[in-house]
Amino acid sequence: MPRLLLPALLIPVMLFGCVKESHPEYKVTSPTTSEPPPAPPNSSDPGMQGNSGQAAFSLMDRSGFLQAPIALRAADEAQISPDFRQQIIHYFTNYQSKLRPLIDQAKKKPSDIDRLTNSAKDVTASFAPESQRISKSPEFPKFKSRLDIVQAQVGLLTANPLNLENGFDELHVTPAQREKLDPILSNANKQLQLQQTGAFNGANLADLAEQTIQNGLQTRAALRAVFTPEQNKTWDALAVPTTQPR
């Protein structure tokens, strides 16, 4: 079964290099991707061991739960029919709702991770027919194209948001726009630093991962509200050079 993927940039950011993998990998049914991501990094820093939420984060990552907010945003932006958009929204919203109780249980009782992982496999298997149907739709490439763009942009903003400033010249950002953009990126960078500090200090990794995704999506929305439509098209093209903006 193909697995829901987070962009490569997102994975190390949410892990903060501190999740120690100890459970077997499994692939998840998804209408988005077909290649598994790189294995999460292991940490040799003794100060990074014993963080809470590792089991829940592991389940969230393997099941593709964290992909849903990005896919939902892509569905909202993609130039697809209302009917196909609703199909995607239905798929990911229901998928999240089925997995949420398992993730909550993993937070409360990490020792049950093997049982919960098997339950998550059953959930993903039940979504296989719907996933295959969505993937075969002639409208799917438009959704996937938009998904690639959103993934790449959120990946940048959750890895090093200040790096976007390197592209301001190519985006032809005006001085007036920069006055609005700089505080947005500075705030995103501050949030990222706080999350990294929280991870090092034992904050719940599962909660941090979800918050990281939400922060990235919110920052992206704030930036796109400042950019002109033409600048947004340019940013889309720069984010995924081989993908035509849609």
Protein backbone atom coordinates (compact mmCIF):
# COMPACT_ATOMS: atom_id res chain seq x y z
CA MET A 1 0.00 0.00 0.00
CA PRO A 2 1.50 3.39 -0.92
CA ARG A 3 2.20 5.66 1.97
CA LEU A 4 1.19 9.23 2.67
CA LEU A 5 4.31 11.33 2.60
CA LEU A 6 5.45 14.43 4.35
CA PRO A 7 7.92 16.48 2.35
CA ALA A 8 11.49 15.53 3.11
CA LEU A 9 12.12 18.89 4.73
CA LEU A 10 9.28 18.45 7.19
CA ILE A 11 10.36 15.13 8.60
CA PRO A 12 13.60 16.20 10.32
CA VAL A 13 12.04 19.43 11.53
CA MET A 14 9.23 17.68 13.31
CA LEU A 15 11.52 15.02 14.66
CA PHE A 16 14.12 17.58 15.75
CA GLY A 17 16.57 14.68 15.47
CA CYS A 18 15.29 13.18 18.68
CA VAL A 19 12.97 10.26 17.90
CA LYS A 20 14.55 6.90 18.32
CA GLU A 21 12.94 4.42 15.97
CA SER A 22 12.17 1.03 17.44
CA HIS A 23 9.06 -0.14 15.62
CA PRO A 24 8.75 -1.79 12.21
CA GLU A 25 7.80 0.39 9.26
CA TYR A 26 4.49 0.00 7.49
CA LYS A 27 3.09 1.68 4.42
CA VAL A 28 -0.21 3.48 4.27
CA THR A 29 -2.93 3.60 1.67
CA SER A 30 -2.95 7.04 0.11
CA PRO A 31 -4.02 8.83 -3.03
CA THR A 32 -0.99 11.09 -2.82
CA THR A 33 2.34 9.31 -3.12
CA SER A 34 3.96 5.97 -3.71
CA GLU A 35 7.50 6.23 -2.36
CA PRO A 36 8.38 5.89 1.34
CA PRO A 37 10.31 8.79 2.91
CA PRO A 38 13.80 8.43 4.34
CA ALA A 39 14.01 6.80 7.75
CA PRO A 40 13.82 9.31 10.62
CA PRO A 41 17.19 10.15 12.11
CA ASN A 42 18.28 8.61 15.37
CA SER A 43 19.82 10.74 18.08
CA SER A 44 22.93 9.82 20.04
CA ASP A 45 22.48 12.78 22.38
CA PRO A 46 21.49 11.32 25.77
CA GLY A 47 19.67 14.56 26.54
CA MET A 48 17.30 13.81 23.69
CA GLN A 49 16.14 10.41 24.91
CA GLY A 50 12.96 9.81 26.88
CA ASN A 51 10.87 12.57 25.28
CA SER A 52 7.13 12.09 25.67
CA GLY A 53 4.90 11.37 22.74
CA GLN A 54 7.38 9.26 20.78
CA ALA A 55 4.96 6.36 20.35
CA ALA A 56 2.14 8.64 19.27
CA PHE A 57 4.43 10.52 16.89
CA SER A 58 5.64 7.24 15.42
CA LEU A 59 2.05 6.21 14.75
CA MET A 60 1.18 9.62 13.29
CA ASP A 61 4.18 9.53 10.98
CA ARG A 62 3.73 5.97 9.73
CA SER A 63 0.00 6.27 9.22
CA GLY A 64 0.23 9.54 7.27
CA PHE A 65 -1.99 11.31 9.81
CA LEU A 66 0.19 14.42 9.61
CA GLN A 67 -0.28 14.63 5.86
CA ALA A 68 -4.00 15.34 6.07
CA PRO A 69 -3.88 19.11 6.82
CA ILE A 70 -1.51 19.65 3.88
CA ALA A 71 -3.67 17.56 1.55
CA LEU A 72 -6.79 19.42 2.64
CA ARG A 73 -5.15 22.76 1.90
CA ALA A 74 -4.03 21.49 -1.50
CA ALA A 75 -7.56 20.30 -2.27
CA ASP A 76 -8.91 23.73 -1.39
CA GLU A 77 -6.48 25.45 -3.77
CA ALA A 78 -6.37 22.99 -6.67
CA GLN A 79 -8.28 23.75 -9.85
CA ILE A 80 -10.53 20.73 -9.57
CA SER A 81 -14.28 20.26 -9.67
CA PRO A 82 -16.32 20.79 -6.48
CA ASP A 83 -17.29 17.12 -6.54
CA PHE A 84 -13.70 15.85 -6.68
CA ARG A 85 -12.65 18.38 -4.04
CA GLN A 86 -15.35 17.05 -1.75
CA GLN A 87 -14.16 13.49 -2.35
CA ILE A 88 -10.65 14.40 -1.21
CA ILE A 89 -11.93 16.33 1.79
CA HIS A 90 -14.14 13.39 2.76
CA TYR A 91 -11.23 10.96 2.42
CA PHE A 92 -8.72 12.84 4.58
CA THR A 93 -11.23 14.10 7.14
CA ASN A 94 -12.58 10.61 7.74
CA TYR A 95 -9.08 9.14 7.76
CA GLN A 96 -8.02 11.56 10.49
CA SER A 97 -11.14 10.88 12.55
CA LYS A 98 -10.52 7.11 12.45
CA LEU A 99 -6.88 7.44 13.48
CA ARG A 100 -7.28 10.14 16.14
CA PRO A 101 -8.52 7.77 18.89
CA LEU A 102 -5.56 5.45 18.28
CA ILE A 103 -3.09 8.32 18.48
CA ASP A 104 -4.71 9.59 21.68
CA GLN A 105 -4.37 6.12 23.17
CA ALA A 106 -0.70 6.01 22.13
CA LYS A 107 -0.15 9.25 24.03
CA LYS A 108 -1.73 7.84 27.17
CA LYS A 109 -0.28 4.32 26.98
CA PRO A 110 2.85 4.11 24.77
CA SER A 111 3.39 0.48 25.75
CA ASP A 112 0.37 -0.42 23.59
CA ILE A 113 2.05 0.82 20.41
CA ASP A 114 2.21 -2.62 18.75
CA ARG A 115 -1.52 -3.20 19.21
CA LEU A 116 -2.32 0.34 18.11
CA THR A 117 -0.10 0.03 15.05
CA ASN A 118 -1.98 -3.09 13.99
CA SER A 119 -5.26 -1.24 14.49
CA ALA A 120 -3.96 1.61 12.35
CA LYS A 121 -3.08 -0.88 9.62
CA ASP A 122 -6.67 -2.07 9.66
CA VAL A 123 -7.86 1.51 9.31
CA THR A 124 -5.62 2.20 6.33
CA ALA A 125 -6.63 -1.07 4.68
CA SER A 126 -10.28 -0.05 4.95
CA PHE A 127 -9.51 3.13 3.01
CA ALA A 128 -7.76 1.31 0.16
CA PRO A 129 -10.73 1.16 -2.24
CA GLU A 130 -11.50 4.87 -1.86
CA SER A 131 -7.82 5.75 -2.21
CA GLN A 132 -7.52 3.78 -5.43
CA ARG A 133 -10.67 5.34 -6.84
CA ILE A 134 -9.44 8.89 -6.12
CA SER A 135 -6.01 8.15 -7.57
CA LYS A 136 -7.54 6.95 -10.84
CA SER A 137 -9.59 10.11 -11.35
CA PRO A 138 -8.58 12.20 -14.38
CA GLU A 139 -8.57 15.19 -12.01
CA PHE A 140 -6.05 13.62 -9.66
CA PRO A 141 -2.93 15.04 -11.41
CA LYS A 142 -4.18 18.58 -10.77
CA PHE A 143 -4.60 17.80 -7.09
CA LYS A 144 -1.21 16.10 -6.89
CA SER A 145 0.45 19.04 -8.62
CA ARG A 146 -0.97 21.42 -6.04
CA LEU A 147 -0.08 19.06 -3.21
CA ASP A 148 3.58 19.06 -4.31
CA ILE A 149 3.62 22.85 -4.20
CA VAL A 150 2.00 23.14 -0.77
CA GLN A 151 4.31 20.44 0.62
CA ALA A 152 7.42 22.20 -0.65
CA GLN A 153 6.38 25.61 0.64
CA VAL A 154 5.33 24.35 4.06
CA GLY A 155 8.52 22.30 4.16
CA LEU A 156 10.62 25.44 3.72
CA LEU A 157 8.64 27.39 6.29
CA THR A 158 8.97 24.65 8.91
CA ALA A 159 12.66 24.07 8.26
CA ASN A 160 14.09 27.58 7.95
CA PRO A 161 11.49 30.26 7.24
CA LEU A 162 14.08 33.02 6.95
CA ASN A 163 15.49 31.29 3.86
CA LEU A 164 12.53 32.60 1.89
CA GLU A 165 14.14 36.03 2.04
CA ASN A 166 16.77 34.72 -0.37
CA GLY A 167 14.07 34.59 -3.03
CA PHE A 168 12.67 38.08 -2.49
CA ASP A 169 14.60 39.52 -5.43
CA GLU A 170 13.28 36.87 -7.80
CA LEU A 171 9.78 37.47 -6.45
CA HIS A 172 10.25 41.22 -6.97
CA VAL A 173 9.18 42.00 -3.43
CA THR A 174 8.63 45.73 -2.92
CA PRO A 175 9.91 47.65 0.14
CA ALA A 176 6.31 48.06 1.29
CA GLN A 177 5.72 44.33 1.05
CA ARG A 178 8.95 43.57 2.86
CA GLU A 179 7.77 45.59 5.85
CA LYS A 180 4.86 43.14 6.11
CA LEU A 181 6.76 39.97 5.20
CA ASP A 182 9.72 40.35 7.56
CA PRO A 183 7.60 40.19 10.76
CA ILE A 184 5.74 37.13 9.44
CA LEU A 185 8.98 35.25 8.77
CA SER A 186 10.56 36.42 12.04
CA ASN A 187 7.56 35.17 13.99
CA ALA A 188 7.69 31.83 12.15
CA ASN A 189 11.38 31.50 12.99
CA LYS A 190 10.68 32.31 16.64
CA GLN A 191 7.95 29.66 16.78
CA LEU A 192 10.33 27.11 15.26
CA GLN A 193 13.02 27.89 17.83
CA LEU A 194 10.52 27.54 20.66
CA GLN A 195 9.41 24.16 19.34
CA GLN A 196 12.99 22.97 19.02
CA THR A 197 13.66 24.07 22.58
CA GLY A 198 10.53 22.29 23.71
CA ALA A 199 11.65 19.08 22.02
CA PHE A 200 15.02 19.22 23.73
CA ASN A 201 13.29 19.83 27.05
CA GLY A 202 10.99 16.82 26.76
CA ALA A 203 7.82 18.34 25.28
CA ASN A 204 5.35 15.95 23.70
CA LEU A 205 6.64 15.19 20.19
CA ALA A 206 3.23 14.26 18.83
CA ASP A 207 1.77 17.59 19.89
CA LEU A 208 4.81 19.44 18.53
CA ALA A 209 4.48 17.70 15.18
CA GLU A 210 0.87 18.73 14.74
CA GLN A 211 1.63 22.28 15.81
CA THR A 212 4.55 22.45 13.38
CA ILE A 213 2.28 21.61 10.46
CA GLN A 214 -0.35 24.12 11.52
CA ASN A 215 2.22 26.86 12.02
CA GLY A 216 3.66 26.20 8.57
CA LEU A 217 0.25 26.39 6.93
CA GLN A 218 -0.65 29.58 8.80
CA THR A 219 2.64 31.23 7.87
CA ARG A 220 2.19 30.26 4.26
CA ALA A 221 -1.32 31.74 4.20
CA ALA A 222 -0.07 34.98 5.73
CA LEU A 223 2.70 35.27 3.14
CA ARG A 224 0.41 34.54 0.22
CA ALA A 225 -1.96 37.26 1.43
CA VAL A 226 0.87 39.79 1.05
CA PHE A 227 2.16 38.52 -2.29
CA THR A 228 0.39 39.54 -5.48
CA PRO A 229 -1.24 36.80 -7.60
CA GLU A 230 1.73 36.95 -9.95
CA GLN A 231 4.21 36.64 -7.09
CA ASN A 232 2.33 33.63 -5.75
CA LYS A 233 2.56 31.97 -9.17
CA THR A 234 6.30 32.65 -9.22
CA TRP A 235 6.72 31.22 -5.72
CA ASP A 236 4.78 28.12 -6.76
CA ALA A 237 7.08 27.64 -9.75
CA LEU A 238 10.18 28.15 -7.61
CA ALA A 239 8.91 25.74 -4.94
CA VAL A 240 8.49 22.88 -7.41
CA PRO A 241 10.39 23.79 -10.59
CA THR A 242 9.13 20.76 -12.51
CA THR A 243 5.52 21.41 -11.58
CA GLN A 244 3.29 23.83 -13.41
CA PRO A 245 1.46 26.06 -10.90
CA ARG A 246 -2.23 25.28 -10.68
